[in-house]
Amino acid sequence: MRALAAPVRIAIVLQLREAARCVHELVDALGLPQPLVSQHLRILKAAGVVDGERSGREVFYRLVDHHLADIVVAAVTHSAEEVEQ
C-alpha cells in the first residue's frame, strides 16, 4: 500500500480504473509533466499495481487488480466525508 501513498499515484489509479491509458493520455488527464507521470508509473509497476503492454511506440498501462481501485475510491470518499464533518 505504500505505492499508493502519493496523491499523484492515487490519481493515476483512478484514471486507470476507467480504462487502460498510455503516458500521454495520463499527462493530459492529470495536467502533470510527463517525467513525473512516468516516475510514478514506474513505482506503481514495481509494486505490482499496474502492468504495461507495448503497442507500437506506446505502452498502455492498466490496473492489475480492479479491486484495488475500488478500495482507493472508498478511501478517498471516506476521507472527503471526514473533512466535511
PDB file of N, CA and C in Angstrom:
ATOM      1  N   MET A   1       0.807  -1.210   0.000  1.00  0.00           N
ATOM      2  CA  MET A   1       0.000   0.000   0.000  1.00  0.00           C
ATOM      3  C   MET A   1       0.849   1.273   0.000  1.00  0.00           C
ATOM      4  N   ARG A   2       2.133   1.128   0.291  1.00  0.00           N
ATOM      5  CA  ARG A   2       2.992   2.312   0.259  1.00  0.00           C
ATOM      6  C   ARG A   2       3.043   2.910  -1.133  1.00  0.00           C
ATOM      7  N   ALA A   3       2.813   2.072  -2.128  1.00  0.00           N
ATOM      8  CA  ALA A   3       2.826   2.565  -3.509  1.00  0.00           C
ATOM      9  C   ALA A   3       1.720   3.577  -3.745  1.00  0.00           C
ATOM     10  N   LEU A   4       0.699   3.560  -2.903  1.00  0.00           N
ATOM     11  CA  LEU A   4      -0.425   4.485  -3.061  1.00  0.00           C
ATOM     12  C   LEU A   4      -0.335   5.666  -2.100  1.00  0.00           C
ATOM     13  N   ALA A   5       0.837   5.890  -1.533  1.00  0.00           N
ATOM     14  CA  ALA A   5       0.998   6.946  -0.545  1.00  0.00           C
ATOM     15  C   ALA A   5       1.002   8.350  -1.151  1.00  0.00           C
ATOM     16  N   ALA A   6       1.223   8.468  -2.435  1.00  0.00           N
ATOM     17  CA  ALA A   6       1.305   9.784  -3.077  1.00  0.00           C
ATOM     18  C   ALA A   6       0.000  10.113  -3.799  1.00  0.00           C
ATOM     19  N   PRO A   7      -0.476  11.345  -3.657  1.00  0.00           N
ATOM     20  CA  PRO A   7      -1.709  11.749  -4.343  1.00  0.00           C
ATOM     21  C   PRO A   7      -1.657  11.542  -5.858  1.00  0.00           C
ATOM     22  N   VAL A   8      -0.488  11.729  -6.461  1.00  0.00           N
ATOM     23  CA  VAL A   8      -0.367  11.538  -7.913  1.00  0.00           C
ATOM     24  C   VAL A   8      -0.651  10.086  -8.273  1.00  0.00           C
ATOM     25  N   ARG A   9      -0.136   9.156  -7.478  1.00  0.00           N
ATOM     26  CA  ARG A   9      -0.360   7.740  -7.772  1.00  0.00           C
ATOM     27  C   ARG A   9      -1.821   7.354  -7.568  1.00  0.00           C
ATOM     28  N   ILE A  10      -2.466   7.947  -6.593  1.00  0.00           N
ATOM     29  CA  ILE A  10      -3.904   7.706  -6.413  1.00  0.00           C
ATOM     30  C   ILE A  10      -4.655   8.208  -7.635  1.00  0.00           C
ATOM     31  N   ALA A  11      -4.290   9.391  -8.122  1.00  0.00           N
ATOM     32  CA  ALA A  11      -4.945   9.947  -9.309  1.00  0.00           C
ATOM     33  C   ALA A  11      -4.726   9.053 -10.529  1.00  0.00           C
ATOM     34  N   ILE A  12      -3.540   8.484 -10.660  1.00  0.00           N
ATOM     35  CA  ILE A  12      -3.262   7.576 -11.779  1.00  0.00           C
ATOM     36  C   ILE A  12      -4.136   6.336 -11.673  1.00  0.00           C
ATOM     37  N   VAL A  13      -4.230   5.760 -10.483  1.00  0.00           N
ATOM     38  CA  VAL A  13      -5.073   4.569 -10.286  1.00  0.00           C
ATOM     39  C   VAL A  13      -6.520   4.883 -10.642  1.00  0.00           C
ATOM     40  N   LEU A  14      -6.999   6.046 -10.237  1.00  0.00           N
ATOM     41  CA  LEU A  14      -8.384   6.416 -10.551  1.00  0.00           C
ATOM     42  C   LEU A  14      -8.584   6.571 -12.057  1.00  0.00           C
ATOM     43  N   GLN A  15      -7.592   7.093 -12.761  1.00  0.00           N
ATOM     44  CA  GLN A  15      -7.683   7.203 -14.220  1.00  0.00           C
ATOM     45  C   GLN A  15      -7.691   5.821 -14.871  1.00  0.00           C
ATOM     46  N   LEU A  16      -6.839   4.936 -14.381  1.00  0.00           N
ATOM     47  CA  LEU A  16      -6.738   3.597 -14.968  1.00  0.00           C
ATOM     48  C   LEU A  16      -7.938   2.728 -14.608  1.00  0.00           C
ATOM     49  N   ARG A  17      -8.681   3.155 -13.625  1.00  0.00           N
ATOM     50  CA  ARG A  17      -9.908   2.439 -13.256  1.00  0.00           C
ATOM     51  C   ARG A  17     -10.897   2.467 -14.422  1.00  0.00           C
ATOM     52  N   GLU A  18     -10.884   3.558 -15.166  1.00  0.00           N
ATOM     53  CA  GLU A  18     -11.810   3.734 -16.286  1.00  0.00           C
ATOM     54  C   GLU A  18     -11.385   2.927 -17.506  1.00  0.00           C
ATOM     55  N   ALA A  19     -10.078   2.933 -17.804  1.00  0.00           N
ATOM     56  CA  ALA A  19      -9.574   2.235 -18.997  1.00  0.00           C
ATOM     57  C   ALA A  19      -8.052   2.247 -18.980  1.00  0.00           C
ATOM     58  N   ALA A  20      -7.454   1.358 -19.765  1.00  0.00           N
ATOM     59  CA  ALA A  20      -6.003   1.383 -19.948  1.00  0.00           C
ATOM     60  C   ALA A  20      -5.644   2.679 -20.670  1.00  0.00           C
ATOM     61  N   ARG A  21      -4.512   3.251 -20.296  1.00  0.00           N
ATOM     62  CA  ARG A  21      -4.098   4.521 -20.894  1.00  0.00           C
ATOM     63  C   ARG A  21      -2.592   4.525 -21.110  1.00  0.00           C
ATOM     64  N   CYS A  22      -2.183   5.284 -22.114  1.00  0.00           N
ATOM     65  CA  CYS A  22      -0.749   5.477 -22.321  1.00  0.00           C
ATOM     66  C   CYS A  22      -0.322   6.727 -21.546  1.00  0.00           C
ATOM     67  N   VAL A  23       0.979   6.929 -21.466  1.00  0.00           N
ATOM     68  CA  VAL A  23       1.510   8.017 -20.646  1.00  0.00           C
ATOM     69  C   VAL A  23       0.959   9.370 -21.076  1.00  0.00           C
ATOM     70  N   HIS A  24       0.932   9.644 -22.380  1.00  0.00           N
ATOM     71  CA  HIS A  24       0.486  10.981 -22.802  1.00  0.00           C
ATOM     72  C   HIS A  24      -0.986  11.212 -22.469  1.00  0.00           C
ATOM     73  N   GLU A  25      -1.793  10.164 -22.447  1.00  0.00           N
ATOM     74  CA  GLU A  25      -3.198  10.322 -22.040  1.00  0.00           C
ATOM     75  C   GLU A  25      -3.285  10.659 -20.552  1.00  0.00           C
ATOM     76  N   LEU A  26      -2.442  10.031 -19.751  1.00  0.00           N
ATOM     77  CA  LEU A  26      -2.417  10.344 -18.320  1.00  0.00           C
ATOM     78  C   LEU A  26      -1.904  11.760 -18.083  1.00  0.00           C
ATOM     79  N   VAL A  27      -0.888  12.158 -18.835  1.00  0.00           N
ATOM     80  CA  VAL A  27      -0.351  13.519 -18.729  1.00  0.00           C
ATOM     81  C   VAL A  27      -1.451  14.534 -19.027  1.00  0.00           C
ATOM     82  N   ASP A  28      -2.195  14.321 -20.106  1.00  0.00           N
ATOM     83  CA  ASP A  28      -3.277  15.237 -20.476  1.00  0.00           C
ATOM     84  C   ASP A  28      -4.382  15.252 -19.427  1.00  0.00           C
ATOM     85  N   ALA A  29      -4.759  14.080 -18.931  1.00  0.00           N
ATOM     86  CA  ALA A  29      -5.860  13.984 -17.969  1.00  0.00           C
ATOM     87  C   ALA A  29      -5.495  14.597 -16.621  1.00  0.00           C
ATOM     88  N   LEU A  30      -4.245  14.442 -16.209  1.00  0.00           N
ATOM     89  CA  LEU A  30      -3.830  14.904 -14.885  1.00  0.00           C
ATOM     90  C   LEU A  30      -3.200  16.291 -14.900  1.00  0.00           C
ATOM     91  N   GLY A  31      -2.794  16.759 -16.081  1.00  0.00           N
ATOM     92  CA  GLY A  31      -2.160  18.073 -16.170  1.00  0.00           C
ATOM     93  C   GLY A  31      -0.801  18.117 -15.489  1.00  0.00           C
ATOM     94  N   LEU A  32      -0.077  17.004 -15.557  1.00  0.00           N
ATOM     95  CA  LEU A  32       1.236  16.911 -14.923  1.00  0.00           C
ATOM     96  C   LEU A  32       2.308  16.686 -15.980  1.00  0.00           C
ATOM     97  N   PRO A  33       3.565  17.013 -15.656  1.00  0.00           N
ATOM     98  CA  PRO A  33       4.651  16.782 -16.614  1.00  0.00           C
ATOM     99  C   PRO A  33       4.867  15.285 -16.872  1.00  0.00           C
ATOM    100  N   GLN A  34       5.244  14.956 -18.095  1.00  0.00           N
ATOM    101  CA  GLN A  34       5.444  13.560 -18.488  1.00  0.00           C
ATOM    102  C   GLN A  34       6.475  12.841 -17.622  1.00  0.00           C
ATOM    103  N   PRO A  35       7.624  13.462 -17.304  1.00  0.00           N
ATOM    104  CA  PRO A  35       8.591  12.736 -16.470  1.00  0.00           C
ATOM    105  C   PRO A  35       8.028  12.364 -15.094  1.00  0.00           C
ATOM    106  N   LEU A  36       7.200  13.233 -14.525  1.00  0.00           N
ATOM    107  CA  LEU A  36       6.603  12.954 -13.217  1.00  0.00           C
ATOM    108  C   LEU A  36       5.629  11.780 -13.302  1.00  0.00           C
ATOM    109  N   VAL A  37       4.792  11.768 -14.324  1.00  0.00           N
ATOM    110  CA  VAL A  37       3.833  10.674 -14.509  1.00  0.00           C
ATOM    111  C   VAL A  37       4.586   9.362 -14.734  1.00  0.00           C
ATOM    112  N   SER A  38       5.622   9.390 -15.554  1.00  0.00           N
ATOM    113  CA  SER A  38       6.408   8.183 -15.823  1.00  0.00           C
ATOM    114  C   SER A  38       7.074   7.655 -14.555  1.00  0.00           C
ATOM    115  N   GLN A  39       7.586   8.560 -13.739  1.00  0.00           N
ATOM    116  CA  GLN A  39       8.223   8.160 -12.478  1.00  0.00           C
ATOM    117  C   GLN A  39       7.221   7.442 -11.571  1.00  0.00           C
ATOM    118  N   HIS A  40       6.032   7.987 -11.447  1.00  0.00           N
ATOM    119  CA  HIS A  40       5.017   7.376 -10.587  1.00  0.00           C
ATOM    120  C   HIS A  40       4.511   6.058 -11.170  1.00  0.00           C
ATOM    121  N   LEU A  41       4.435   5.966 -12.481  1.00  0.00           N
ATOM    122  CA  LEU A  41       4.046   4.697 -13.107  1.00  0.00           C
ATOM    123  C   LEU A  41       5.083   3.609 -12.829  1.00  0.00           C
ATOM    124  N   ARG A  42       6.361   3.978 -12.835  1.00  0.00           N
ATOM    125  CA  ARG A  42       7.415   3.001 -12.523  1.00  0.00           C
ATOM    126  C   ARG A  42       7.247   2.455 -11.108  1.00  0.00           C
ATOM    127  N   ILE A  43       6.905   3.324 -10.170  1.00  0.00           N
ATOM    128  CA  ILE A  43       6.702   2.902  -8.783  1.00  0.00           C
ATOM    129  C   ILE A  43       5.496   1.973  -8.689  1.00  0.00           C
ATOM    130  N   LEU A  44       4.407   2.346  -9.348  1.00  0.00           N
ATOM    131  CA  LEU A  44       3.204   1.508  -9.334  1.00  0.00           C
ATOM    132  C   LEU A  44       3.464   0.160  -9.996  1.00  0.00           C
ATOM    133  N   LYS A  45       4.248   0.163 -11.069  1.00  0.00           N
ATOM    134  CA  LYS A  45       4.554  -1.091 -11.765  1.00  0.00           C
ATOM    135  C   LYS A  45       5.436  -1.983 -10.894  1.00  0.00           C
ATOM    136  N   ALA A  46       6.427  -1.401 -10.243  1.00  0.00           N
ATOM    137  CA  ALA A  46       7.319  -2.170  -9.367  1.00  0.00           C
ATOM    138  C   ALA A  46       6.554  -2.785  -8.197  1.00  0.00           C
ATOM    139  N   ALA A  47       5.489  -2.119  -7.756  1.00  0.00           N
ATOM    140  CA  ALA A  47       4.676  -2.614  -6.644  1.00  0.00           C
ATOM    141  C   ALA A  47       3.621  -3.615  -7.101  1.00  0.00           C
ATOM    142  N   GLY A  48       3.518  -3.823  -8.411  1.00  0.00           N
ATOM    143  CA  GLY A  48       2.536  -4.776  -8.926  1.00  0.00           C
ATOM    144  C   GLY A  48       1.125  -4.233  -9.010  1.00  0.00           C
ATOM    145  N   VAL A  49       0.993  -2.911  -8.955  1.00  0.00           N
ATOM    146  CA  VAL A  49      -0.332  -2.279  -9.032  1.00  0.00           C
ATOM    147  C   VAL A  49      -0.778  -2.141 -10.482  1.00  0.00           C
ATOM    148  N   VAL A  50       0.165  -1.786 -11.360  1.00  0.00           N
ATOM    149  CA  VAL A  50      -0.149  -1.635 -12.777  1.00  0.00           C
ATOM    150  C   VAL A  50       0.771  -2.527 -13.606  1.00  0.00           C
ATOM    151  N   ASP A  51       0.357  -2.742 -14.831  1.00  0.00           N
ATOM    152  CA  ASP A  51       1.148  -3.504 -15.791  1.00  0.00           C
ATOM    153  C   ASP A  51       1.117  -2.730 -17.101  1.00  0.00           C
ATOM    154  N   GLY A  52       2.174  -2.822 -17.871  1.00  0.00           N
ATOM    155  CA  GLY A  52       2.236  -2.120 -19.141  1.00  0.00           C
ATOM    156  C   GLY A  52       2.298  -3.083 -20.305  1.00  0.00           C
ATOM    157  N   GLU A  53       1.602  -2.725 -21.378  1.00  0.00           N
ATOM    158  CA  GLU A  53       1.618  -3.535 -22.596  1.00  0.00           C
ATOM    159  C   GLU A  53       1.979  -2.636 -23.768  1.00  0.00           C
ATOM    160  N   ARG A  54       3.053  -2.994 -24.454  1.00  0.00           N
ATOM    161  CA  ARG A  54       3.521  -2.181 -25.575  1.00  0.00           C
ATOM    162  C   ARG A  54       2.627  -2.387 -26.789  1.00  0.00           C
ATOM    163  N   SER A  55       2.295  -1.262 -27.417  1.00  0.00           N
ATOM    164  CA  SER A  55       1.539  -1.273 -28.665  1.00  0.00           C
ATOM    165  C   SER A  55       2.213  -0.263 -29.589  1.00  0.00           C
ATOM    166  N   GLY A  56       3.046  -0.762 -30.485  1.00  0.00           N
ATOM    167  CA  GLY A  56       3.816   0.146 -31.331  1.00  0.00           C
ATOM    168  C   GLY A  56       4.841   0.880 -30.499  1.00  0.00           C
ATOM    169  N   ARG A  57       4.803   2.199 -30.551  1.00  0.00           N
ATOM    170  CA  ARG A  57       5.757   3.016 -29.795  1.00  0.00           C
ATOM    171  C   ARG A  57       5.263   3.364 -28.403  1.00  0.00           C
ATOM    172  N   GLU A  58       4.029   3.042 -28.098  1.00  0.00           N
ATOM    173  CA  GLU A  58       3.463   3.429 -26.810  1.00  0.00           C
ATOM    174  C   GLU A  58       3.266   2.222 -25.900  1.00  0.00           C
ATOM    175  N   VAL A  59       3.264   2.500 -24.608  1.00  0.00           N
ATOM    176  CA  VAL A  59       2.961   1.483 -23.608  1.00  0.00           C
ATOM    177  C   VAL A  59       1.637   1.873 -22.971  1.00  0.00           C
ATOM    178  N   PHE A  60       0.694   0.952 -22.996  1.00  0.00           N
ATOM    179  CA  PHE A  60      -0.594   1.179 -22.358  1.00  0.00           C
ATOM    180  C   PHE A  60      -0.571   0.535 -20.985  1.00  0.00           C
ATOM    181  N   TYR A  61      -0.880   1.336 -19.977  1.00  0.00           N
ATOM    182  CA  TYR A  61      -0.879   0.859 -18.601  1.00  0.00           C
ATOM    183  C   TYR A  61      -2.298   0.528 -18.180  1.00  0.00           C
ATOM    184  N   ARG A  62      -2.408  -0.545 -17.384  1.00  0.00           N
ATOM    185  CA  ARG A  62      -3.710  -0.963 -16.870  1.00  0.00           C
ATOM    186  C   ARG A  62      -3.515  -1.433 -15.441  1.00  0.00           C
ATOM    187  N   LEU A  63      -4.608  -1.450 -14.700  1.00  0.00           N
ATOM    188  CA  LEU A  63      -4.563  -1.965 -13.338  1.00  0.00           C
ATOM    189  C   LEU A  63      -4.448  -3.478 -13.367  1.00  0.00           C
ATOM    190  N   VAL A  64      -3.643  -4.021 -12.495  1.00  0.00           N
ATOM    191  CA  VAL A  64      -3.518  -5.468 -12.380  1.00  0.00           C
ATOM    192  C   VAL A  64      -4.758  -6.026 -11.683  1.00  0.00           C
ATOM    193  N   ASP A  65      -5.263  -5.296 -10.672  1.00  0.00           N
ATOM    194  CA  ASP A  65      -6.420  -5.746  -9.897  1.00  0.00           C
ATOM    195  C   ASP A  65      -7.389  -4.574  -9.724  1.00  0.00           C
ATOM    196  N   HIS A  66      -8.549  -4.660 -10.337  1.00  0.00           N
ATOM    197  CA  HIS A  66      -9.519  -3.563 -10.253  1.00  0.00           C
ATOM    198  C   HIS A  66     -10.122  -3.418  -8.862  1.00  0.00           C
ATOM    199  N   HIS A  67     -10.013  -4.438  -8.030  1.00  0.00           N
ATOM    200  CA  HIS A  67     -10.499  -4.312  -6.655  1.00  0.00           C
ATOM    201  C   HIS A  67      -9.712  -3.241  -5.907  1.00  0.00           C
ATOM    202  N   LEU A  68      -8.450  -3.092  -6.256  1.00  0.00           N
ATOM    203  CA  LEU A  68      -7.626  -2.073  -5.631  1.00  0.00           C
ATOM    204  C   LEU A  68      -8.183  -0.685  -5.916  1.00  0.00           C
ATOM    205  N   ALA A  69      -8.638  -0.447  -7.119  1.00  0.00           N
ATOM    206  CA  ALA A  69      -9.226   0.849  -7.465  1.00  0.00           C
ATOM    207  C   ALA A  69     -10.481   1.094  -6.640  1.00  0.00           C
ATOM    208  N   ASP A  70     -11.270   0.061  -6.404  1.00  0.00           N
ATOM    209  CA  ASP A  70     -12.466   0.208  -5.576  1.00  0.00           C
ATOM    210  C   ASP A  70     -12.091   0.597  -4.150  1.00  0.00           C
ATOM    211  N   ILE A  71     -11.016   0.014  -3.636  1.00  0.00           N
ATOM    212  CA  ILE A  71     -10.541   0.354  -2.292  1.00  0.00           C
ATOM    213  C   ILE A  71     -10.079   1.807  -2.251  1.00  0.00           C
ATOM    214  N   VAL A  72      -9.370   2.247  -3.288  1.00  0.00           N
ATOM    215  CA  VAL A  72      -8.905   3.634  -3.359  1.00  0.00           C
ATOM    216  C   VAL A  72     -10.094   4.585  -3.389  1.00  0.00           C
ATOM    217  N   VAL A  73     -11.100   4.282  -4.194  1.00  0.00           N
ATOM    218  CA  VAL A  73     -12.294   5.130  -4.269  1.00  0.00           C
ATOM    219  C   VAL A  73     -12.969   5.202  -2.903  1.00  0.00           C
ATOM    220  N   ALA A  74     -13.110   4.074  -2.234  1.00  0.00           N
ATOM    221  CA  ALA A  74     -13.740   4.055  -0.910  1.00  0.00           C
ATOM    222  C   ALA A  74     -12.938   4.886   0.088  1.00  0.00           C
ATOM    223  N   ALA A  75     -11.621   4.780   0.042  1.00  0.00           N
ATOM    224  CA  ALA A  75     -10.775   5.541   0.961  1.00  0.00           C
ATOM    225  C   ALA A  75     -10.867   7.038   0.692  1.00  0.00           C
ATOM    226  N   VAL A  76     -10.848   7.427  -0.577  1.00  0.00           N
ATOM    227  CA  VAL A  76     -10.946   8.847  -0.928  1.00  0.00           C
ATOM    228  C   VAL A  76     -12.308   9.397  -0.511  1.00  0.00           C
ATOM    229  N   THR A  77     -13.359   8.646  -0.757  1.00  0.00           N
ATOM    230  CA  THR A  77     -14.706   9.069  -0.372  1.00  0.00           C
ATOM    231  C   THR A  77     -14.805   9.214   1.137  1.00  0.00           C
ATOM    232  N   HIS A  78     -14.281   8.242   1.862  1.00  0.00           N
ATOM    233  CA  HIS A  78     -14.321   8.280   3.323  1.00  0.00           C
ATOM    234  C   HIS A  78     -13.539   9.480   3.845  1.00  0.00           C
ATOM    235  N   SER A  79     -12.381   9.730   3.263  1.00  0.00           N
ATOM    236  CA  SER A  79     -11.556  10.858   3.671  1.00  0.00           C
ATOM    237  C   SER A  79     -12.275  12.181   3.431  1.00  0.00           C
ATOM    238  N   ALA A  80     -12.957  12.299   2.297  1.00  0.00           N
ATOM    239  CA  ALA A  80     -13.711  13.521   1.988  1.00  0.00           C
ATOM    240  C   ALA A  80     -14.851  13.715   2.978  1.00  0.00           C
ATOM    241  N   GLU A  81     -15.500  12.633   3.372  1.00  0.00           N
ATOM    242  CA  GLU A  81     -16.586  12.721   4.349  1.00  0.00           C
ATOM    243  C   GLU A  81     -16.057  13.175   5.706  1.00  0.00           C
ATOM    244  N   GLU A  82     -14.871  12.697   6.079  1.00  0.00           N
ATOM    245  CA  GLU A  82     -14.255  13.087   7.348  1.00  0.00           C
ATOM    246  C   GLU A  82     -13.953  14.586   7.351  1.00  0.00           C
ATOM    247  N   VAL A  83     -13.479  15.112   6.236  1.00  0.00           N
ATOM    248  CA  VAL A  83     -13.142  16.529   6.133  1.00  0.00           C
ATOM    249  C   VAL A  83     -14.397  17.385   6.245  1.00  0.00           C
ATOM    250  N   GLU A  84     -15.494  16.933   5.655  1.00  0.00           N
ATOM    251  CA  GLU A  84     -16.741  17.695   5.677  1.00  0.00           C
ATOM    252  C   GLU A  84     -17.330  17.791   7.080  1.00  0.00           C
ATOM    253  N   GLN A  85     -17.062  16.806   7.914  1.00  0.00           N
ATOM    254  CA  GLN A  85     -17.635  16.804   9.271  1.00  0.00           C
ATOM    255  C   GLN A  85     -16.830  17.658  10.144  1.00  0.00           C
TER     256      GLN A  85
END
